[in-house]
């Protein structure tokens, strides 16, 4: 499964294109975001990707949000993980 990482300064249109491409190629993609700004950009990108992928498609995409724990520079951080399936 491909993993995309989204930052607060990520362009939602670019991320949406990457999500749509991964869904077409593999049918599933995982997107990670840490921080409120990154989650905001990620949700916008998912909404845009949905529009791209669902044109002419029989079924909508499925988005499963969840938490993830990781260490960055020795500190424990909590992020949001979105699993997106076609």
N, C-alpha and C. Protein backbone atom coordinates (compact mmCIF):
# COMPACT_ATOMS: atom_id res chain seq x y z
N UNK A 1 0.85 -1.17 0.00
CA UNK A 1 0.00 0.00 0.00
C UNK A 1 0.90 1.24 0.00
N UNK A 2 0.57 2.17 -0.86
CA UNK A 2 1.34 3.42 -0.94
C UNK A 2 0.96 4.33 0.23
N UNK A 3 1.95 5.00 0.81
CA UNK A 3 1.73 5.93 1.91
C UNK A 3 2.12 7.33 1.45
N UNK A 4 1.18 8.27 1.57
CA UNK A 4 1.44 9.67 1.26
C UNK A 4 1.47 10.46 2.56
N UNK A 5 2.41 11.39 2.66
CA UNK A 5 2.50 12.23 3.85
C UNK A 5 2.11 13.65 3.45
N UNK A 6 1.21 14.25 4.22
CA UNK A 6 0.70 15.58 3.93
C UNK A 6 1.15 16.54 5.02
N UNK A 7 1.64 17.71 4.60
CA UNK A 7 2.06 18.77 5.52
C UNK A 7 1.06 19.92 5.44
N UNK A 8 1.16 20.84 6.38
CA UNK A 8 0.23 21.98 6.40
C UNK A 8 0.41 22.87 5.17
N UNK A 9 1.56 22.82 4.54
CA UNK A 9 1.80 23.65 3.36
C UNK A 9 1.66 22.87 2.05
N UNK A 10 1.16 21.63 2.13
CA UNK A 10 0.93 20.82 0.93
C UNK A 10 -0.20 21.43 0.11
N UNK A 11 -0.07 21.34 -1.21
CA UNK A 11 -1.11 21.82 -2.11
C UNK A 11 -2.18 20.74 -2.23
N UNK A 12 -3.43 21.03 -1.83
CA UNK A 12 -4.49 20.01 -1.87
C UNK A 12 -4.72 19.44 -3.27
N UNK A 13 -4.58 20.25 -4.32
CA UNK A 13 -4.77 19.75 -5.68
C UNK A 13 -3.70 18.73 -6.05
N UNK A 14 -2.47 18.99 -5.64
CA UNK A 14 -1.38 18.05 -5.93
C UNK A 14 -1.56 16.74 -5.16
N UNK A 15 -1.95 16.85 -3.90
CA UNK A 15 -2.18 15.66 -3.08
C UNK A 15 -3.36 14.87 -3.65
N UNK A 16 -4.40 15.57 -4.09
CA UNK A 16 -5.57 14.91 -4.68
C UNK A 16 -5.17 14.12 -5.92
N UNK A 17 -4.31 14.69 -6.74
CA UNK A 17 -3.83 13.98 -7.92
C UNK A 17 -3.06 12.73 -7.55
N UNK A 18 -2.23 12.83 -6.51
CA UNK A 18 -1.47 11.66 -6.05
C UNK A 18 -2.41 10.59 -5.49
N UNK A 19 -3.43 11.01 -4.76
CA UNK A 19 -4.41 10.06 -4.22
C UNK A 19 -5.15 9.37 -5.36
N UNK A 20 -5.63 10.15 -6.33
CA UNK A 20 -6.37 9.59 -7.46
C UNK A 20 -5.51 8.62 -8.25
N UNK A 21 -4.25 8.98 -8.47
CA UNK A 21 -3.34 8.10 -9.20
C UNK A 21 -3.10 6.79 -8.47
N UNK A 22 -2.90 6.87 -7.16
CA UNK A 22 -2.68 5.66 -6.37
C UNK A 22 -3.93 4.78 -6.35
N UNK A 23 -5.10 5.40 -6.29
CA UNK A 23 -6.34 4.62 -6.30
C UNK A 23 -6.54 3.92 -7.63
N UNK A 24 -6.21 4.59 -8.72
CA UNK A 24 -6.35 3.96 -10.03
C UNK A 24 -5.36 2.81 -10.19
N UNK A 25 -4.15 2.99 -9.65
CA UNK A 25 -3.10 1.99 -9.81
C UNK A 25 -3.27 0.80 -8.86
N UNK A 26 -3.54 1.09 -7.59
CA UNK A 26 -3.56 0.03 -6.58
C UNK A 26 -4.93 -0.21 -5.94
N UNK A 27 -5.83 0.77 -6.02
CA UNK A 27 -7.16 0.62 -5.42
C UNK A 27 -7.23 1.02 -3.97
N UNK A 28 -6.07 1.29 -3.35
CA UNK A 28 -6.03 1.71 -1.95
C UNK A 28 -4.79 2.57 -1.72
N UNK A 29 -4.93 3.57 -0.84
CA UNK A 29 -3.81 4.43 -0.48
C UNK A 29 -3.97 4.85 0.98
N UNK A 30 -2.86 5.06 1.65
CA UNK A 30 -2.85 5.50 3.04
C UNK A 30 -2.25 6.90 3.08
N UNK A 31 -2.91 7.83 3.77
CA UNK A 31 -2.45 9.21 3.84
C UNK A 31 -2.23 9.56 5.31
N UNK A 32 -1.05 10.11 5.63
CA UNK A 32 -0.72 10.49 7.01
C UNK A 32 -0.66 12.01 7.14
N UNK A 33 -1.16 12.53 8.26
CA UNK A 33 -1.11 13.96 8.54
C UNK A 33 -0.86 14.15 10.04
N UNK A 34 0.06 15.05 10.36
CA UNK A 34 0.37 15.37 11.76
C UNK A 34 0.14 16.86 11.96
N UNK A 35 -0.78 17.21 12.82
CA UNK A 35 -1.09 18.62 13.10
C UNK A 35 -2.37 19.05 12.42
N UNK A 36 -2.99 20.08 12.99
CA UNK A 36 -4.28 20.55 12.50
C UNK A 36 -4.22 21.05 11.06
N UNK A 37 -3.18 21.81 10.71
CA UNK A 37 -3.04 22.34 9.36
C UNK A 37 -2.88 21.23 8.33
N UNK A 38 -2.12 20.21 8.67
CA UNK A 38 -1.91 19.09 7.76
C UNK A 38 -3.20 18.29 7.58
N UNK A 39 -3.94 18.08 8.66
CA UNK A 39 -5.21 17.36 8.56
C UNK A 39 -6.19 18.15 7.70
N UNK A 40 -6.21 19.47 7.84
CA UNK A 40 -7.07 20.32 7.04
C UNK A 40 -6.76 20.16 5.55
N UNK A 41 -5.48 20.24 5.19
CA UNK A 41 -5.08 20.09 3.79
C UNK A 41 -5.41 18.69 3.27
N UNK A 42 -5.26 17.71 4.13
CA UNK A 42 -5.53 16.32 3.76
C UNK A 42 -7.01 16.12 3.47
N UNK A 43 -7.87 16.65 4.30
CA UNK A 43 -9.31 16.49 4.10
C UNK A 43 -9.74 17.20 2.82
N UNK A 44 -9.18 18.38 2.55
CA UNK A 44 -9.48 19.08 1.30
C UNK A 44 -9.05 18.23 0.10
N UNK A 45 -7.86 17.65 0.19
CA UNK A 45 -7.34 16.82 -0.90
C UNK A 45 -8.22 15.59 -1.13
N UNK A 46 -8.71 14.98 -0.06
CA UNK A 46 -9.58 13.82 -0.20
C UNK A 46 -10.88 14.21 -0.90
N UNK A 47 -11.43 15.38 -0.55
CA UNK A 47 -12.66 15.85 -1.19
C UNK A 47 -12.44 16.09 -2.69
N UNK A 48 -11.31 16.66 -3.05
CA UNK A 48 -10.99 16.90 -4.46
C UNK A 48 -10.77 15.57 -5.18
N UNK A 49 -10.04 14.66 -4.56
CA UNK A 49 -9.77 13.35 -5.16
C UNK A 49 -11.07 12.58 -5.38
N UNK A 50 -11.98 12.72 -4.45
CA UNK A 50 -13.28 12.05 -4.58
C UNK A 50 -13.98 12.50 -5.86
N UNK A 51 -13.95 13.78 -6.12
CA UNK A 51 -14.55 14.32 -7.34
C UNK A 51 -13.88 13.74 -8.58
N UNK A 52 -12.55 13.62 -8.53
CA UNK A 52 -11.81 13.09 -9.67
C UNK A 52 -12.09 11.61 -9.91
N UNK A 53 -12.07 10.83 -8.85
CA UNK A 53 -12.17 9.38 -8.96
C UNK A 53 -13.60 8.92 -9.23
N UNK A 54 -14.58 9.61 -8.65
CA UNK A 54 -15.96 9.14 -8.75
C UNK A 54 -16.65 9.53 -10.05
N UNK A 55 -16.01 10.35 -10.89
CA UNK A 55 -16.62 10.69 -12.19
C UNK A 55 -16.73 9.42 -13.01
N UNK A 56 -17.95 9.03 -13.32
CA UNK A 56 -18.16 7.84 -14.13
C UNK A 56 -18.00 6.53 -13.39
N UNK A 57 -17.66 6.58 -12.12
CA UNK A 57 -17.48 5.34 -11.34
C UNK A 57 -18.82 4.87 -10.78
N UNK A 58 -18.92 3.58 -10.55
CA UNK A 58 -20.17 3.00 -10.04
C UNK A 58 -20.33 3.21 -8.54
N UNK A 59 -19.23 3.23 -7.82
CA UNK A 59 -19.30 3.30 -6.36
C UNK A 59 -18.43 4.43 -5.84
N UNK A 60 -18.82 5.01 -4.71
CA UNK A 60 -17.99 6.07 -4.11
C UNK A 60 -16.74 5.49 -3.45
N UNK A 61 -15.77 6.37 -3.19
CA UNK A 61 -14.59 5.91 -2.47
C UNK A 61 -14.96 5.75 -1.00
N UNK A 62 -14.16 4.99 -0.30
CA UNK A 62 -14.37 4.73 1.13
C UNK A 62 -13.17 5.29 1.88
N UNK A 63 -13.41 6.11 2.91
CA UNK A 63 -12.34 6.71 3.70
C UNK A 63 -12.47 6.24 5.14
N UNK A 64 -11.38 5.67 5.66
CA UNK A 64 -11.36 5.17 7.03
C UNK A 64 -10.33 5.98 7.81
N UNK A 65 -10.78 6.89 8.69
CA UNK A 65 -9.83 7.67 9.50
C UNK A 65 -9.43 6.90 10.75
N UNK A 66 -8.25 7.21 11.25
CA UNK A 66 -7.78 6.60 12.48
C UNK A 66 -6.57 7.34 13.03
N UNK A 67 -6.16 6.98 14.21
CA UNK A 67 -4.98 7.59 14.84
C UNK A 67 -3.75 6.74 14.57
N UNK A 68 -2.59 7.37 14.63
CA UNK A 68 -1.32 6.65 14.55
C UNK A 68 -0.36 7.29 15.55
N UNK A 69 0.48 6.49 16.13
CA UNK A 69 1.48 6.94 17.09
C UNK A 69 2.85 6.80 16.45
N UNK A 70 3.71 7.81 16.59
CA UNK A 70 5.06 7.73 16.06
C UNK A 70 5.99 8.59 16.90
N UNK A 71 7.30 8.35 16.72
CA UNK A 71 8.32 9.13 17.42
C UNK A 71 9.01 10.03 16.42
N UNK A 72 9.08 11.33 16.75
CA UNK A 72 9.80 12.30 15.94
C UNK A 72 10.76 13.03 16.86
N UNK A 73 12.04 12.92 16.55
CA UNK A 73 13.10 13.54 17.36
C UNK A 73 12.98 13.13 18.82
N UNK A 74 12.67 11.86 19.06
CA UNK A 74 12.59 11.34 20.42
C UNK A 74 11.30 11.66 21.14
N UNK A 75 10.38 12.38 20.51
CA UNK A 75 9.11 12.73 21.14
C UNK A 75 7.99 11.89 20.54
N UNK A 76 7.06 11.47 21.40
CA UNK A 76 5.89 10.74 20.93
C UNK A 76 4.90 11.73 20.33
N UNK A 77 4.44 11.43 19.12
CA UNK A 77 3.47 12.28 18.43
C UNK A 77 2.28 11.43 18.02
N UNK A 78 1.13 12.06 17.95
CA UNK A 78 -0.08 11.41 17.46
C UNK A 78 -0.47 12.08 16.16
N UNK A 79 -0.76 11.28 15.16
CA UNK A 79 -1.19 11.79 13.86
C UNK A 79 -2.49 11.14 13.45
N UNK A 80 -2.99 11.60 12.33
CA UNK A 80 -4.21 11.03 11.76
C UNK A 80 -3.83 10.25 10.51
N UNK A 81 -4.39 9.05 10.38
CA UNK A 81 -4.15 8.21 9.22
C UNK A 81 -5.49 8.02 8.51
N UNK A 82 -5.49 8.26 7.21
CA UNK A 82 -6.68 8.02 6.39
C UNK A 82 -6.36 6.88 5.43
N UNK A 83 -7.16 5.83 5.46
CA UNK A 83 -7.04 4.76 4.49
C UNK A 83 -8.17 4.99 3.49
N UNK A 84 -7.80 5.14 2.22
CA UNK A 84 -8.77 5.46 1.18
C UNK A 84 -8.81 4.29 0.21
N UNK A 85 -10.01 3.76 0.00
CA UNK A 85 -10.19 2.60 -0.89
C UNK A 85 -11.18 2.94 -1.99
N UNK A 86 -10.97 2.34 -3.12
CA UNK A 86 -11.87 2.54 -4.25
C UNK A 86 -12.96 1.50 -4.23
